[in-house]
Amino acid sequence: EDIAIQTGELWGNYPQTYSLVGII
């Protein structure tokens, strides 16, 4: 769901449908 700005580390529940929708 989320991403840390400085490190690029992923946070939040996974895999997030919202985020995969964005890719498509």
PDBML (XML) file of the C-alpha atoms, coordinates in Angstrom:
<?xml version="1.0" encoding="UTF-8" ?>
<PDBx:datablock datablockName="MODEL"
   xmlns:PDBx="http://pdbml.pdb.org/schema/pdbx-v50.xsd"
   xmlns:xsi="http://www.w3.org/2001/XMLSchema-instance"
   xsi:schemaLocation="http://pdbml.pdb.org/schema/pdbx-v50.xsd pdbx-v50.xsd">
   <PDBx:atom_siteCategory>
      <PDBx:atom_site id="1">
         <PDBx:B_iso_or_equiv>0.00</PDBx:B_iso_or_equiv>
         <PDBx:Cartn_x>0.000</PDBx:Cartn_x>
         <PDBx:Cartn_y>0.000</PDBx:Cartn_y>
         <PDBx:Cartn_z>0.000</PDBx:Cartn_z>
         <PDBx:auth_asym_id>A</PDBx:auth_asym_id>
         <PDBx:auth_atom_id>CA</PDBx:auth_atom_id>
         <PDBx:auth_comp_id>GLU</PDBx:auth_comp_id>
         <PDBx:auth_seq_id>1</PDBx:auth_seq_id>
         <PDBx:group_PDB>ATOM</PDBx:group_PDB>
         <PDBx:label_alt_id xsi:nil="true" />
         <PDBx:label_asym_id>A</PDBx:label_asym_id>
         <PDBx:label_atom_id>CA</PDBx:label_atom_id>
         <PDBx:label_comp_id>GLU</PDBx:label_comp_id>
         <PDBx:label_entity_id>1</PDBx:label_entity_id>
         <PDBx:label_seq_id>1</PDBx:label_seq_id>
         <PDBx:occupancy>1.00</PDBx:occupancy>
         <PDBx:pdbx_PDB_model_num>1</PDBx:pdbx_PDB_model_num>
         <PDBx:type_symbol>C</PDBx:type_symbol>
      </PDBx:atom_site>
      <PDBx:atom_site id="2">
         <PDBx:B_iso_or_equiv>0.00</PDBx:B_iso_or_equiv>
         <PDBx:Cartn_x>2.692</PDBx:Cartn_x>
         <PDBx:Cartn_y>2.496</PDBx:Cartn_y>
         <PDBx:Cartn_z>1.017</PDBx:Cartn_z>
         <PDBx:auth_asym_id>A</PDBx:auth_asym_id>
         <PDBx:auth_atom_id>CA</PDBx:auth_atom_id>
         <PDBx:auth_comp_id>ASP</PDBx:auth_comp_id>
         <PDBx:auth_seq_id>2</PDBx:auth_seq_id>
         <PDBx:group_PDB>ATOM</PDBx:group_PDB>
         <PDBx:label_alt_id xsi:nil="true" />
         <PDBx:label_asym_id>A</PDBx:label_asym_id>
         <PDBx:label_atom_id>CA</PDBx:label_atom_id>
         <PDBx:label_comp_id>ASP</PDBx:label_comp_id>
         <PDBx:label_entity_id>1</PDBx:label_entity_id>
         <PDBx:label_seq_id>2</PDBx:label_seq_id>
         <PDBx:occupancy>1.00</PDBx:occupancy>
         <PDBx:pdbx_PDB_model_num>1</PDBx:pdbx_PDB_model_num>
         <PDBx:type_symbol>C</PDBx:type_symbol>
      </PDBx:atom_site>
      <PDBx:atom_site id="3">
         <PDBx:B_iso_or_equiv>0.00</PDBx:B_iso_or_equiv>
         <PDBx:Cartn_x>6.285</PDBx:Cartn_x>
         <PDBx:Cartn_y>3.415</PDBx:Cartn_y>
         <PDBx:Cartn_z>0.274</PDBx:Cartn_z>
         <PDBx:auth_asym_id>A</PDBx:auth_asym_id>
         <PDBx:auth_atom_id>CA</PDBx:auth_atom_id>
         <PDBx:auth_comp_id>ILE</PDBx:auth_comp_id>
         <PDBx:auth_seq_id>3</PDBx:auth_seq_id>
         <PDBx:group_PDB>ATOM</PDBx:group_PDB>
         <PDBx:label_alt_id xsi:nil="true" />
         <PDBx:label_asym_id>A</PDBx:label_asym_id>
         <PDBx:label_atom_id>CA</PDBx:label_atom_id>
         <PDBx:label_comp_id>ILE</PDBx:label_comp_id>
         <PDBx:label_entity_id>1</PDBx:label_entity_id>
         <PDBx:label_seq_id>3</PDBx:label_seq_id>
         <PDBx:occupancy>1.00</PDBx:occupancy>
         <PDBx:pdbx_PDB_model_num>1</PDBx:pdbx_PDB_model_num>
         <PDBx:type_symbol>C</PDBx:type_symbol>
      </PDBx:atom_site>
      <PDBx:atom_site id="4">
         <PDBx:B_iso_or_equiv>0.00</PDBx:B_iso_or_equiv>
         <PDBx:Cartn_x>8.973</PDBx:Cartn_x>
         <PDBx:Cartn_y>5.196</PDBx:Cartn_y>
         <PDBx:Cartn_z>2.288</PDBx:Cartn_z>
         <PDBx:auth_asym_id>A</PDBx:auth_asym_id>
         <PDBx:auth_atom_id>CA</PDBx:auth_atom_id>
         <PDBx:auth_comp_id>ALA</PDBx:auth_comp_id>
         <PDBx:auth_seq_id>4</PDBx:auth_seq_id>
         <PDBx:group_PDB>ATOM</PDBx:group_PDB>
         <PDBx:label_alt_id xsi:nil="true" />
         <PDBx:label_asym_id>A</PDBx:label_asym_id>
         <PDBx:label_atom_id>CA</PDBx:label_atom_id>
         <PDBx:label_comp_id>ALA</PDBx:label_comp_id>
         <PDBx:label_entity_id>1</PDBx:label_entity_id>
         <PDBx:label_seq_id>4</PDBx:label_seq_id>
         <PDBx:occupancy>1.00</PDBx:occupancy>
         <PDBx:pdbx_PDB_model_num>1</PDBx:pdbx_PDB_model_num>
         <PDBx:type_symbol>C</PDBx:type_symbol>
      </PDBx:atom_site>
      <PDBx:atom_site id="5">
         <PDBx:B_iso_or_equiv>0.00</PDBx:B_iso_or_equiv>
         <PDBx:Cartn_x>10.166</PDBx:Cartn_x>
         <PDBx:Cartn_y>8.280</PDBx:Cartn_y>
         <PDBx:Cartn_z>0.404</PDBx:Cartn_z>
         <PDBx:auth_asym_id>A</PDBx:auth_asym_id>
         <PDBx:auth_atom_id>CA</PDBx:auth_atom_id>
         <PDBx:auth_comp_id>ILE</PDBx:auth_comp_id>
         <PDBx:auth_seq_id>5</PDBx:auth_seq_id>
         <PDBx:group_PDB>ATOM</PDBx:group_PDB>
         <PDBx:label_alt_id xsi:nil="true" />
         <PDBx:label_asym_id>A</PDBx:label_asym_id>
         <PDBx:label_atom_id>CA</PDBx:label_atom_id>
         <PDBx:label_comp_id>ILE</PDBx:label_comp_id>
         <PDBx:label_entity_id>1</PDBx:label_entity_id>
         <PDBx:label_seq_id>5</PDBx:label_seq_id>
         <PDBx:occupancy>1.00</PDBx:occupancy>
         <PDBx:pdbx_PDB_model_num>1</PDBx:pdbx_PDB_model_num>
         <PDBx:type_symbol>C</PDBx:type_symbol>
      </PDBx:atom_site>
      <PDBx:atom_site id="6">
         <PDBx:B_iso_or_equiv>0.00</PDBx:B_iso_or_equiv>
         <PDBx:Cartn_x>13.822</PDBx:Cartn_x>
         <PDBx:Cartn_y>8.143</PDBx:Cartn_y>
         <PDBx:Cartn_z>1.436</PDBx:Cartn_z>
         <PDBx:auth_asym_id>A</PDBx:auth_asym_id>
         <PDBx:auth_atom_id>CA</PDBx:auth_atom_id>
         <PDBx:auth_comp_id>GLN</PDBx:auth_comp_id>
         <PDBx:auth_seq_id>6</PDBx:auth_seq_id>
         <PDBx:group_PDB>ATOM</PDBx:group_PDB>
         <PDBx:label_alt_id xsi:nil="true" />
         <PDBx:label_asym_id>A</PDBx:label_asym_id>
         <PDBx:label_atom_id>CA</PDBx:label_atom_id>
         <PDBx:label_comp_id>GLN</PDBx:label_comp_id>
         <PDBx:label_entity_id>1</PDBx:label_entity_id>
         <PDBx:label_seq_id>6</PDBx:label_seq_id>
         <PDBx:occupancy>1.00</PDBx:occupancy>
         <PDBx:pdbx_PDB_model_num>1</PDBx:pdbx_PDB_model_num>
         <PDBx:type_symbol>C</PDBx:type_symbol>
      </PDBx:atom_site>
      <PDBx:atom_site id="7">
         <PDBx:B_iso_or_equiv>0.00</PDBx:B_iso_or_equiv>
         <PDBx:Cartn_x>14.502</PDBx:Cartn_x>
         <PDBx:Cartn_y>4.396</PDBx:Cartn_y>
         <PDBx:Cartn_z>1.286</PDBx:Cartn_z>
         <PDBx:auth_asym_id>A</PDBx:auth_asym_id>
         <PDBx:auth_atom_id>CA</PDBx:auth_atom_id>
         <PDBx:auth_comp_id>THR</PDBx:auth_comp_id>
         <PDBx:auth_seq_id>7</PDBx:auth_seq_id>
         <PDBx:group_PDB>ATOM</PDBx:group_PDB>
         <PDBx:label_alt_id xsi:nil="true" />
         <PDBx:label_asym_id>A</PDBx:label_asym_id>
         <PDBx:label_atom_id>CA</PDBx:label_atom_id>
         <PDBx:label_comp_id>THR</PDBx:label_comp_id>
         <PDBx:label_entity_id>1</PDBx:label_entity_id>
         <PDBx:label_seq_id>7</PDBx:label_seq_id>
         <PDBx:occupancy>1.00</PDBx:occupancy>
         <PDBx:pdbx_PDB_model_num>1</PDBx:pdbx_PDB_model_num>
         <PDBx:type_symbol>C</PDBx:type_symbol>
      </PDBx:atom_site>
      <PDBx:atom_site id="8">
         <PDBx:B_iso_or_equiv>0.00</PDBx:B_iso_or_equiv>
         <PDBx:Cartn_x>11.889</PDBx:Cartn_x>
         <PDBx:Cartn_y>3.098</PDBx:Cartn_y>
         <PDBx:Cartn_z>-1.151</PDBx:Cartn_z>
         <PDBx:auth_asym_id>A</PDBx:auth_asym_id>
         <PDBx:auth_atom_id>CA</PDBx:auth_atom_id>
         <PDBx:auth_comp_id>GLY</PDBx:auth_comp_id>
         <PDBx:auth_seq_id>8</PDBx:auth_seq_id>
         <PDBx:group_PDB>ATOM</PDBx:group_PDB>
         <PDBx:label_alt_id xsi:nil="true" />
         <PDBx:label_asym_id>A</PDBx:label_asym_id>
         <PDBx:label_atom_id>CA</PDBx:label_atom_id>
         <PDBx:label_comp_id>GLY</PDBx:label_comp_id>
         <PDBx:label_entity_id>1</PDBx:label_entity_id>
         <PDBx:label_seq_id>8</PDBx:label_seq_id>
         <PDBx:occupancy>1.00</PDBx:occupancy>
         <PDBx:pdbx_PDB_model_num>1</PDBx:pdbx_PDB_model_num>
         <PDBx:type_symbol>C</PDBx:type_symbol>
      </PDBx:atom_site>
      <PDBx:atom_site id="9">
         <PDBx:B_iso_or_equiv>0.00</PDBx:B_iso_or_equiv>
         <PDBx:Cartn_x>10.926</PDBx:Cartn_x>
         <PDBx:Cartn_y>0.410</PDBx:Cartn_y>
         <PDBx:Cartn_z>1.375</PDBx:Cartn_z>
         <PDBx:auth_asym_id>A</PDBx:auth_asym_id>
         <PDBx:auth_atom_id>CA</PDBx:auth_atom_id>
         <PDBx:auth_comp_id>GLU</PDBx:auth_comp_id>
         <PDBx:auth_seq_id>9</PDBx:auth_seq_id>
         <PDBx:group_PDB>ATOM</PDBx:group_PDB>
         <PDBx:label_alt_id xsi:nil="true" />
         <PDBx:label_asym_id>A</PDBx:label_asym_id>
         <PDBx:label_atom_id>CA</PDBx:label_atom_id>
         <PDBx:label_comp_id>GLU</PDBx:label_comp_id>
         <PDBx:label_entity_id>1</PDBx:label_entity_id>
         <PDBx:label_seq_id>9</PDBx:label_seq_id>
         <PDBx:occupancy>1.00</PDBx:occupancy>
         <PDBx:pdbx_PDB_model_num>1</PDBx:pdbx_PDB_model_num>
         <PDBx:type_symbol>C</PDBx:type_symbol>
      </PDBx:atom_site>
      <PDBx:atom_site id="10">
         <PDBx:B_iso_or_equiv>0.00</PDBx:B_iso_or_equiv>
         <PDBx:Cartn_x>7.421</PDBx:Cartn_x>
         <PDBx:Cartn_y>-0.993</PDBx:Cartn_y>
         <PDBx:Cartn_z>1.032</PDBx:Cartn_z>
         <PDBx:auth_asym_id>A</PDBx:auth_asym_id>
         <PDBx:auth_atom_id>CA</PDBx:auth_atom_id>
         <PDBx:auth_comp_id>LEU</PDBx:auth_comp_id>
         <PDBx:auth_seq_id>10</PDBx:auth_seq_id>
         <PDBx:group_PDB>ATOM</PDBx:group_PDB>
         <PDBx:label_alt_id xsi:nil="true" />
         <PDBx:label_asym_id>A</PDBx:label_asym_id>
         <PDBx:label_atom_id>CA</PDBx:label_atom_id>
         <PDBx:label_comp_id>LEU</PDBx:label_comp_id>
         <PDBx:label_entity_id>1</PDBx:label_entity_id>
         <PDBx:label_seq_id>10</PDBx:label_seq_id>
         <PDBx:occupancy>1.00</PDBx:occupancy>
         <PDBx:pdbx_PDB_model_num>1</PDBx:pdbx_PDB_model_num>
         <PDBx:type_symbol>C</PDBx:type_symbol>
      </PDBx:atom_site>
      <PDBx:atom_site id="11">
         <PDBx:B_iso_or_equiv>0.00</PDBx:B_iso_or_equiv>
         <PDBx:Cartn_x>4.989</PDBx:Cartn_x>
         <PDBx:Cartn_y>-0.761</PDBx:Cartn_y>
         <PDBx:Cartn_z>3.935</PDBx:Cartn_z>
         <PDBx:auth_asym_id>A</PDBx:auth_asym_id>
         <PDBx:auth_atom_id>CA</PDBx:auth_atom_id>
         <PDBx:auth_comp_id>TRP</PDBx:auth_comp_id>
         <PDBx:auth_seq_id>11</PDBx:auth_seq_id>
         <PDBx:group_PDB>ATOM</PDBx:group_PDB>
         <PDBx:label_alt_id xsi:nil="true" />
         <PDBx:label_asym_id>A</PDBx:label_asym_id>
         <PDBx:label_atom_id>CA</PDBx:label_atom_id>
         <PDBx:label_comp_id>TRP</PDBx:label_comp_id>
         <PDBx:label_entity_id>1</PDBx:label_entity_id>
         <PDBx:label_seq_id>11</PDBx:label_seq_id>
         <PDBx:occupancy>1.00</PDBx:occupancy>
         <PDBx:pdbx_PDB_model_num>1</PDBx:pdbx_PDB_model_num>
         <PDBx:type_symbol>C</PDBx:type_symbol>
      </PDBx:atom_site>
      <PDBx:atom_site id="12">
         <PDBx:B_iso_or_equiv>0.00</PDBx:B_iso_or_equiv>
         <PDBx:Cartn_x>1.326</PDBx:Cartn_x>
         <PDBx:Cartn_y>-1.538</PDBx:Cartn_y>
         <PDBx:Cartn_z>4.470</PDBx:Cartn_z>
         <PDBx:auth_asym_id>A</PDBx:auth_asym_id>
         <PDBx:auth_atom_id>CA</PDBx:auth_atom_id>
         <PDBx:auth_comp_id>GLY</PDBx:auth_comp_id>
         <PDBx:auth_seq_id>12</PDBx:auth_seq_id>
         <PDBx:group_PDB>ATOM</PDBx:group_PDB>
         <PDBx:label_alt_id xsi:nil="true" />
         <PDBx:label_asym_id>A</PDBx:label_asym_id>
         <PDBx:label_atom_id>CA</PDBx:label_atom_id>
         <PDBx:label_comp_id>GLY</PDBx:label_comp_id>
         <PDBx:label_entity_id>1</PDBx:label_entity_id>
         <PDBx:label_seq_id>12</PDBx:label_seq_id>
         <PDBx:occupancy>1.00</PDBx:occupancy>
         <PDBx:pdbx_PDB_model_num>1</PDBx:pdbx_PDB_model_num>
         <PDBx:type_symbol>C</PDBx:type_symbol>
      </PDBx:atom_site>
      <PDBx:atom_site id="13">
         <PDBx:B_iso_or_equiv>0.00</PDBx:B_iso_or_equiv>
         <PDBx:Cartn_x>-0.732</PDBx:Cartn_x>
         <PDBx:Cartn_y>-4.600</PDBx:Cartn_y>
         <PDBx:Cartn_z>3.622</PDBx:Cartn_z>
         <PDBx:auth_asym_id>A</PDBx:auth_asym_id>
         <PDBx:auth_atom_id>CA</PDBx:auth_atom_id>
         <PDBx:auth_comp_id>ASN</PDBx:auth_comp_id>
         <PDBx:auth_seq_id>13</PDBx:auth_seq_id>
         <PDBx:group_PDB>ATOM</PDBx:group_PDB>
         <PDBx:label_alt_id xsi:nil="true" />
         <PDBx:label_asym_id>A</PDBx:label_asym_id>
         <PDBx:label_atom_id>CA</PDBx:label_atom_id>
         <PDBx:label_comp_id>ASN</PDBx:label_comp_id>
         <PDBx:label_entity_id>1</PDBx:label_entity_id>
         <PDBx:label_seq_id>13</PDBx:label_seq_id>
         <PDBx:occupancy>1.00</PDBx:occupancy>
         <PDBx:pdbx_PDB_model_num>1</PDBx:pdbx_PDB_model_num>
         <PDBx:type_symbol>C</PDBx:type_symbol>
      </PDBx:atom_site>
      <PDBx:atom_site id="14">
         <PDBx:B_iso_or_equiv>0.00</PDBx:B_iso_or_equiv>
         <PDBx:Cartn_x>0.364</PDBx:Cartn_x>
         <PDBx:Cartn_y>-6.769</PDBx:Cartn_y>
         <PDBx:Cartn_z>0.703</PDBx:Cartn_z>
         <PDBx:auth_asym_id>A</PDBx:auth_asym_id>
         <PDBx:auth_atom_id>CA</PDBx:auth_atom_id>
         <PDBx:auth_comp_id>TYR</PDBx:auth_comp_id>
         <PDBx:auth_seq_id>14</PDBx:auth_seq_id>
         <PDBx:group_PDB>ATOM</PDBx:group_PDB>
         <PDBx:label_alt_id xsi:nil="true" />
         <PDBx:label_asym_id>A</PDBx:label_asym_id>
         <PDBx:label_atom_id>CA</PDBx:label_atom_id>
         <PDBx:label_comp_id>TYR</PDBx:label_comp_id>
         <PDBx:label_entity_id>1</PDBx:label_entity_id>
         <PDBx:label_seq_id>14</PDBx:label_seq_id>
         <PDBx:occupancy>1.00</PDBx:occupancy>
         <PDBx:pdbx_PDB_model_num>1</PDBx:pdbx_PDB_model_num>
         <PDBx:type_symbol>C</PDBx:type_symbol>
      </PDBx:atom_site>
      <PDBx:atom_site id="15">
         <PDBx:B_iso_or_equiv>0.00</PDBx:B_iso_or_equiv>
         <PDBx:Cartn_x>-0.261</PDBx:Cartn_x>
         <PDBx:Cartn_y>-7.355</PDBx:Cartn_y>
         <PDBx:Cartn_z>-2.121</PDBx:Cartn_z>
         <PDBx:auth_asym_id>A</PDBx:auth_asym_id>
         <PDBx:auth_atom_id>CA</PDBx:auth_atom_id>
         <PDBx:auth_comp_id>PRO</PDBx:auth_comp_id>
         <PDBx:auth_seq_id>15</PDBx:auth_seq_id>
         <PDBx:group_PDB>ATOM</PDBx:group_PDB>
         <PDBx:label_alt_id xsi:nil="true" />
         <PDBx:label_asym_id>A</PDBx:label_asym_id>
         <PDBx:label_atom_id>CA</PDBx:label_atom_id>
         <PDBx:label_comp_id>PRO</PDBx:label_comp_id>
         <PDBx:label_entity_id>1</PDBx:label_entity_id>
         <PDBx:label_seq_id>15</PDBx:label_seq_id>
         <PDBx:occupancy>1.00</PDBx:occupancy>
         <PDBx:pdbx_PDB_model_num>1</PDBx:pdbx_PDB_model_num>
         <PDBx:type_symbol>C</PDBx:type_symbol>
      </PDBx:atom_site>
      <PDBx:atom_site id="16">
         <PDBx:B_iso_or_equiv>0.00</PDBx:B_iso_or_equiv>
         <PDBx:Cartn_x>-2.448</PDBx:Cartn_x>
         <PDBx:Cartn_y>-4.253</PDBx:Cartn_y>
         <PDBx:Cartn_z>-2.301</PDBx:Cartn_z>
         <PDBx:auth_asym_id>A</PDBx:auth_asym_id>
         <PDBx:auth_atom_id>CA</PDBx:auth_atom_id>
         <PDBx:auth_comp_id>GLN</PDBx:auth_comp_id>
         <PDBx:auth_seq_id>16</PDBx:auth_seq_id>
         <PDBx:group_PDB>ATOM</PDBx:group_PDB>
         <PDBx:label_alt_id xsi:nil="true" />
         <PDBx:label_asym_id>A</PDBx:label_asym_id>
         <PDBx:label_atom_id>CA</PDBx:label_atom_id>
         <PDBx:label_comp_id>GLN</PDBx:label_comp_id>
         <PDBx:label_entity_id>1</PDBx:label_entity_id>
         <PDBx:label_seq_id>16</PDBx:label_seq_id>
         <PDBx:occupancy>1.00</PDBx:occupancy>
         <PDBx:pdbx_PDB_model_num>1</PDBx:pdbx_PDB_model_num>
         <PDBx:type_symbol>C</PDBx:type_symbol>
      </PDBx:atom_site>
      <PDBx:atom_site id="17">
         <PDBx:B_iso_or_equiv>0.00</PDBx:B_iso_or_equiv>
         <PDBx:Cartn_x>-5.166</PDBx:Cartn_x>
         <PDBx:Cartn_y>-4.314</PDBx:Cartn_y>
         <PDBx:Cartn_z>-4.972</PDBx:Cartn_z>
         <PDBx:auth_asym_id>A</PDBx:auth_asym_id>
         <PDBx:auth_atom_id>CA</PDBx:auth_atom_id>
         <PDBx:auth_comp_id>THR</PDBx:auth_comp_id>
         <PDBx:auth_seq_id>17</PDBx:auth_seq_id>
         <PDBx:group_PDB>ATOM</PDBx:group_PDB>
         <PDBx:label_alt_id xsi:nil="true" />
         <PDBx:label_asym_id>A</PDBx:label_asym_id>
         <PDBx:label_atom_id>CA</PDBx:label_atom_id>
         <PDBx:label_comp_id>THR</PDBx:label_comp_id>
         <PDBx:label_entity_id>1</PDBx:label_entity_id>
         <PDBx:label_seq_id>17</PDBx:label_seq_id>
         <PDBx:occupancy>1.00</PDBx:occupancy>
         <PDBx:pdbx_PDB_model_num>1</PDBx:pdbx_PDB_model_num>
         <PDBx:type_symbol>C</PDBx:type_symbol>
      </PDBx:atom_site>
      <PDBx:atom_site id="18">
         <PDBx:B_iso_or_equiv>0.00</PDBx:B_iso_or_equiv>
         <PDBx:Cartn_x>-5.137</PDBx:Cartn_x>
         <PDBx:Cartn_y>-0.507</PDBx:Cartn_y>
         <PDBx:Cartn_z>-5.254</PDBx:Cartn_z>
         <PDBx:auth_asym_id>A</PDBx:auth_asym_id>
         <PDBx:auth_atom_id>CA</PDBx:auth_atom_id>
         <PDBx:auth_comp_id>TYR</PDBx:auth_comp_id>
         <PDBx:auth_seq_id>18</PDBx:auth_seq_id>
         <PDBx:group_PDB>ATOM</PDBx:group_PDB>
         <PDBx:label_alt_id xsi:nil="true" />
         <PDBx:label_asym_id>A</PDBx:label_asym_id>
         <PDBx:label_atom_id>CA</PDBx:label_atom_id>
         <PDBx:label_comp_id>TYR</PDBx:label_comp_id>
         <PDBx:label_entity_id>1</PDBx:label_entity_id>
         <PDBx:label_seq_id>18</PDBx:label_seq_id>
         <PDBx:occupancy>1.00</PDBx:occupancy>
         <PDBx:pdbx_PDB_model_num>1</PDBx:pdbx_PDB_model_num>
         <PDBx:type_symbol>C</PDBx:type_symbol>
      </PDBx:atom_site>
      <PDBx:atom_site id="19">
         <PDBx:B_iso_or_equiv>0.00</PDBx:B_iso_or_equiv>
         <PDBx:Cartn_x>-1.459</PDBx:Cartn_x>
         <PDBx:Cartn_y>-0.529</PDBx:Cartn_y>
         <PDBx:Cartn_z>-6.188</PDBx:Cartn_z>
         <PDBx:auth_asym_id>A</PDBx:auth_asym_id>
         <PDBx:auth_atom_id>CA</PDBx:auth_atom_id>
         <PDBx:auth_comp_id>SER</PDBx:auth_comp_id>
         <PDBx:auth_seq_id>19</PDBx:auth_seq_id>
         <PDBx:group_PDB>ATOM</PDBx:group_PDB>
         <PDBx:label_alt_id xsi:nil="true" />
         <PDBx:label_asym_id>A</PDBx:label_asym_id>
         <PDBx:label_atom_id>CA</PDBx:label_atom_id>
         <PDBx:label_comp_id>SER</PDBx:label_comp_id>
         <PDBx:label_entity_id>1</PDBx:label_entity_id>
         <PDBx:label_seq_id>19</PDBx:label_seq_id>
         <PDBx:occupancy>1.00</PDBx:occupancy>
         <PDBx:pdbx_PDB_model_num>1</PDBx:pdbx_PDB_model_num>
         <PDBx:type_symbol>C</PDBx:type_symbol>
      </PDBx:atom_site>
      <PDBx:atom_site id="20">
         <PDBx:B_iso_or_equiv>0.00</PDBx:B_iso_or_equiv>
         <PDBx:Cartn_x>-1.837</PDBx:Cartn_x>
         <PDBx:Cartn_y>-3.323</PDBx:Cartn_y>
         <PDBx:Cartn_z>-8.734</PDBx:Cartn_z>
         <PDBx:auth_asym_id>A</PDBx:auth_asym_id>
         <PDBx:auth_atom_id>CA</PDBx:auth_atom_id>
         <PDBx:auth_comp_id>LEU</PDBx:auth_comp_id>
         <PDBx:auth_seq_id>20</PDBx:auth_seq_id>
         <PDBx:group_PDB>ATOM</PDBx:group_PDB>
         <PDBx:label_alt_id xsi:nil="true" />
         <PDBx:label_asym_id>A</PDBx:label_asym_id>
         <PDBx:label_atom_id>CA</PDBx:label_atom_id>
         <PDBx:label_comp_id>LEU</PDBx:label_comp_id>
         <PDBx:label_entity_id>1</PDBx:label_entity_id>
         <PDBx:label_seq_id>20</PDBx:label_seq_id>
         <PDBx:occupancy>1.00</PDBx:occupancy>
         <PDBx:pdbx_PDB_model_num>1</PDBx:pdbx_PDB_model_num>
         <PDBx:type_symbol>C</PDBx:type_symbol>
      </PDBx:atom_site>
      <PDBx:atom_site id="21">
         <PDBx:B_iso_or_equiv>0.00</PDBx:B_iso_or_equiv>
         <PDBx:Cartn_x>-4.758</PDBx:Cartn_x>
         <PDBx:Cartn_y>-1.456</PDBx:Cartn_y>
         <PDBx:Cartn_z>-10.296</PDBx:Cartn_z>
         <PDBx:auth_asym_id>A</PDBx:auth_asym_id>
         <PDBx:auth_atom_id>CA</PDBx:auth_atom_id>
         <PDBx:auth_comp_id>VAL</PDBx:auth_comp_id>
         <PDBx:auth_seq_id>21</PDBx:auth_seq_id>
         <PDBx:group_PDB>ATOM</PDBx:group_PDB>
         <PDBx:label_alt_id xsi:nil="true" />
         <PDBx:label_asym_id>A</PDBx:label_asym_id>
         <PDBx:label_atom_id>CA</PDBx:label_atom_id>
         <PDBx:label_comp_id>VAL</PDBx:label_comp_id>
         <PDBx:label_entity_id>1</PDBx:label_entity_id>
         <PDBx:label_seq_id>21</PDBx:label_seq_id>
         <PDBx:occupancy>1.00</PDBx:occupancy>
         <PDBx:pdbx_PDB_model_num>1</PDBx:pdbx_PDB_model_num>
         <PDBx:type_symbol>C</PDBx:type_symbol>
      </PDBx:atom_site>
      <PDBx:atom_site id="22">
         <PDBx:B_iso_or_equiv>0.00</PDBx:B_iso_or_equiv>
         <PDBx:Cartn_x>-2.426</PDBx:Cartn_x>
         <PDBx:Cartn_y>1.519</PDBx:Cartn_y>
         <PDBx:Cartn_z>-10.687</PDBx:Cartn_z>
         <PDBx:auth_asym_id>A</PDBx:auth_asym_id>
         <PDBx:auth_atom_id>CA</PDBx:auth_atom_id>
         <PDBx:auth_comp_id>GLY</PDBx:auth_comp_id>
         <PDBx:auth_seq_id>22</PDBx:auth_seq_id>
         <PDBx:group_PDB>ATOM</PDBx:group_PDB>
         <PDBx:label_alt_id xsi:nil="true" />
         <PDBx:label_asym_id>A</PDBx:label_asym_id>
         <PDBx:label_atom_id>CA</PDBx:label_atom_id>
         <PDBx:label_comp_id>GLY</PDBx:label_comp_id>
         <PDBx:label_entity_id>1</PDBx:label_entity_id>
         <PDBx:label_seq_id>22</PDBx:label_seq_id>
         <PDBx:occupancy>1.00</PDBx:occupancy>
         <PDBx:pdbx_PDB_model_num>1</PDBx:pdbx_PDB_model_num>
         <PDBx:type_symbol>C</PDBx:type_symbol>
      </PDBx:atom_site>
      <PDBx:atom_site id="23">
         <PDBx:B_iso_or_equiv>0.00</PDBx:B_iso_or_equiv>
         <PDBx:Cartn_x>0.104</PDBx:Cartn_x>
         <PDBx:Cartn_y>-0.580</PDBx:Cartn_y>
         <PDBx:Cartn_z>-12.590</PDBx:Cartn_z>
         <PDBx:auth_asym_id>A</PDBx:auth_asym_id>
         <PDBx:auth_atom_id>CA</PDBx:auth_atom_id>
         <PDBx:auth_comp_id>ILE</PDBx:auth_comp_id>
         <PDBx:auth_seq_id>23</PDBx:auth_seq_id>
         <PDBx:group_PDB>ATOM</PDBx:group_PDB>
         <PDBx:label_alt_id xsi:nil="true" />
         <PDBx:label_asym_id>A</PDBx:label_asym_id>
         <PDBx:label_atom_id>CA</PDBx:label_atom_id>
         <PDBx:label_comp_id>ILE</PDBx:label_comp_id>
         <PDBx:label_entity_id>1</PDBx:label_entity_id>
         <PDBx:label_seq_id>23</PDBx:label_seq_id>
         <PDBx:occupancy>1.00</PDBx:occupancy>
         <PDBx:pdbx_PDB_model_num>1</PDBx:pdbx_PDB_model_num>
         <PDBx:type_symbol>C</PDBx:type_symbol>
      </PDBx:atom_site>
      <PDBx:atom_site id="24">
         <PDBx:B_iso_or_equiv>0.00</PDBx:B_iso_or_equiv>
         <PDBx:Cartn_x>-2.542</PDBx:Cartn_x>
         <PDBx:Cartn_y>-1.757</PDBx:Cartn_y>
         <PDBx:Cartn_z>-15.041</PDBx:Cartn_z>
         <PDBx:auth_asym_id>A</PDBx:auth_asym_id>
         <PDBx:auth_atom_id>CA</PDBx:auth_atom_id>
         <PDBx:auth_comp_id>ILE</PDBx:auth_comp_id>
         <PDBx:auth_seq_id>24</PDBx:auth_seq_id>
         <PDBx:group_PDB>ATOM</PDBx:group_PDB>
         <PDBx:label_alt_id xsi:nil="true" />
         <PDBx:label_asym_id>A</PDBx:label_asym_id>
         <PDBx:label_atom_id>CA</PDBx:label_atom_id>
         <PDBx:label_comp_id>ILE</PDBx:label_comp_id>
         <PDBx:label_entity_id>1</PDBx:label_entity_id>
         <PDBx:label_seq_id>24</PDBx:label_seq_id>
         <PDBx:occupancy>1.00</PDBx:occupancy>
         <PDBx:pdbx_PDB_model_num>1</PDBx:pdbx_PDB_model_num>
         <PDBx:type_symbol>C</PDBx:type_symbol>
      </PDBx:atom_site>
   </PDBx:atom_siteCategory>
</PDBx:datablock>
